[in-house]
Amino acid sequence: MRDAVEIEVCGRHLPSLASFYSEVPPGELLAIGSSWETLEIAVNRGNAAQLLGAERGTPIIARSREQS
């Protein structure tokens, strides 16, 4: 099910949702469901906003694989 969605933010594509931060190497971008039931864009041991040049209100596109 996690692979059924593709996330795009600031022109970067994240091919699936991660279950936990360490699922990707340090410094790598990931999308993960938060405990607040929201979608979080993060970097394992890093800062996603700095990496992407993103700020509050930056659009995030989430689509099913069937739509891509």
C-alpha atoms as a PDB file:
ATOM      1  CA  MET A   1       0.000   0.000   0.000  1.00  0.00           C
ATOM      2  CA  ARG A   2       2.860   2.414   0.797  1.00  0.00           C
ATOM      3  CA  ASP A   3       4.162   1.946  -2.755  1.00  0.00           C
ATOM      4  CA  ALA A   4       0.760   2.863  -4.192  1.00  0.00           C
ATOM      5  CA  VAL A   5       1.421   6.575  -3.699  1.00  0.00           C
ATOM      6  CA  GLU A   6       3.975   8.936  -5.226  1.00  0.00           C
ATOM      7  CA  ILE A   7       4.852  12.248  -3.579  1.00  0.00           C
ATOM      8  CA  GLU A   8       6.257  15.339  -5.291  1.00  0.00           C
ATOM      9  CA  VAL A   9       7.535  18.450  -3.527  1.00  0.00           C
ATOM     10  CA  CYS A  10       9.698  21.249  -4.967  1.00  0.00           C
ATOM     11  CA  GLY A  11      10.202  19.207  -8.129  1.00  0.00           C
ATOM     12  CA  ARG A  12      11.576  16.195  -6.217  1.00  0.00           C
ATOM     13  CA  HIS A  13       9.842  12.837  -6.507  1.00  0.00           C
ATOM     14  CA  LEU A  14       9.567  10.465  -3.570  1.00  0.00           C
ATOM     15  CA  PRO A  15       8.557   7.062  -4.923  1.00  0.00           C
ATOM     16  CA  SER A  16       6.815   5.763  -1.784  1.00  0.00           C
ATOM     17  CA  LEU A  17       6.009   6.428   1.859  1.00  0.00           C
ATOM     18  CA  ALA A  18       8.551   5.372   4.463  1.00  0.00           C
ATOM     19  CA  SER A  19       7.561   3.559   7.645  1.00  0.00           C
ATOM     20  CA  PHE A  20      10.370   5.050   9.717  1.00  0.00           C
ATOM     21  CA  TYR A  21      13.161   7.621   9.280  1.00  0.00           C
ATOM     22  CA  SER A  22      16.028   5.128   9.177  1.00  0.00           C
ATOM     23  CA  GLU A  23      14.445   3.386   6.202  1.00  0.00           C
ATOM     24  CA  VAL A  24      16.520   5.761   4.051  1.00  0.00           C
ATOM     25  CA  PRO A  25      20.231   6.594   4.450  1.00  0.00           C
ATOM     26  CA  PRO A  26      21.234   9.724   6.440  1.00  0.00           C
ATOM     27  CA  GLY A  27      20.775  12.845   4.342  1.00  0.00           C
ATOM     28  CA  GLU A  28      18.090  11.265   2.124  1.00  0.00           C
ATOM     29  CA  LEU A  29      14.627  12.745   1.607  1.00  0.00           C
ATOM     30  CA  LEU A  30      11.539  10.785   2.684  1.00  0.00           C
ATOM     31  CA  ALA A  31       7.795  11.098   3.146  1.00  0.00           C
ATOM     32  CA  ILE A  32       6.254   9.571   6.245  1.00  0.00           C
ATOM     33  CA  GLY A  33       2.881   9.613   7.965  1.00  0.00           C
ATOM     34  CA  SER A  34       3.128  11.486  11.256  1.00  0.00           C
ATOM     35  CA  SER A  35       1.532  10.637  14.580  1.00  0.00           C
ATOM     36  CA  TRP A  36      -0.761  13.634  13.951  1.00  0.00           C
ATOM     37  CA  GLU A  37      -2.149  11.857  10.852  1.00  0.00           C
ATOM     38  CA  THR A  38      -0.449  14.277   8.472  1.00  0.00           C
ATOM     39  CA  LEU A  39       2.099  13.757   5.726  1.00  0.00           C
ATOM     40  CA  GLU A  40       5.594  14.759   6.786  1.00  0.00           C
ATOM     41  CA  ILE A  41       8.405  15.492   4.349  1.00  0.00           C
ATOM     42  CA  ALA A  42      11.704  14.928   6.131  1.00  0.00           C
ATOM     43  CA  VAL A  43      15.382  14.163   5.741  1.00  0.00           C
ATOM     44  CA  ASN A  44      16.921  11.405   7.812  1.00  0.00           C
ATOM     45  CA  ARG A  45      19.219  13.305  10.203  1.00  0.00           C
ATOM     46  CA  GLY A  46      18.751  16.492   8.212  1.00  0.00           C
ATOM     47  CA  ASN A  47      16.499  19.424   7.364  1.00  0.00           C
ATOM     48  CA  ALA A  48      14.018  18.967   4.508  1.00  0.00           C
ATOM     49  CA  ALA A  49      13.145  22.672   4.319  1.00  0.00           C
ATOM     50  CA  GLN A  50      16.793  23.580   3.758  1.00  0.00           C
ATOM     51  CA  LEU A  51      17.394  20.737   1.310  1.00  0.00           C
ATOM     52  CA  LEU A  52      14.329  21.617  -0.772  1.00  0.00           C
ATOM     53  CA  GLY A  53      14.220  25.373  -0.274  1.00  0.00           C
ATOM     54  CA  ALA A  54      10.695  24.832   1.045  1.00  0.00           C
ATOM     55  CA  GLU A  55       8.702  26.830   3.556  1.00  0.00           C
ATOM     56  CA  ARG A  56       5.297  26.708   5.183  1.00  0.00           C
ATOM     57  CA  GLY A  57       2.676  26.545   2.442  1.00  0.00           C
ATOM     58  CA  THR A  58       4.919  24.888  -0.165  1.00  0.00           C
ATOM     59  CA  PRO A  59       2.624  22.635  -2.247  1.00  0.00           C
ATOM     60  CA  ILE A  60       2.960  18.879  -1.947  1.00  0.00           C
ATOM     61  CA  ILE A  61       1.465  16.675  -4.658  1.00  0.00           C
ATOM     62  CA  ALA A  62       0.384  13.165  -3.670  1.00  0.00           C
ATOM     63  CA  ARG A  63      -1.026  10.873  -6.324  1.00  0.00           C
ATOM     64  CA  SER A  64      -1.725   7.209  -6.711  1.00  0.00           C
ATOM     65  CA  ARG A  65       0.554   5.233  -8.996  1.00  0.00           C
ATOM     66  CA  GLU A  66      -2.378   4.741 -11.366  1.00  0.00           C
ATOM     67  CA  GLN A  67      -2.508   8.546 -11.923  1.00  0.00           C
ATOM     68  CA  SER A  68       1.222   9.012 -12.625  1.00  0.00           C
END
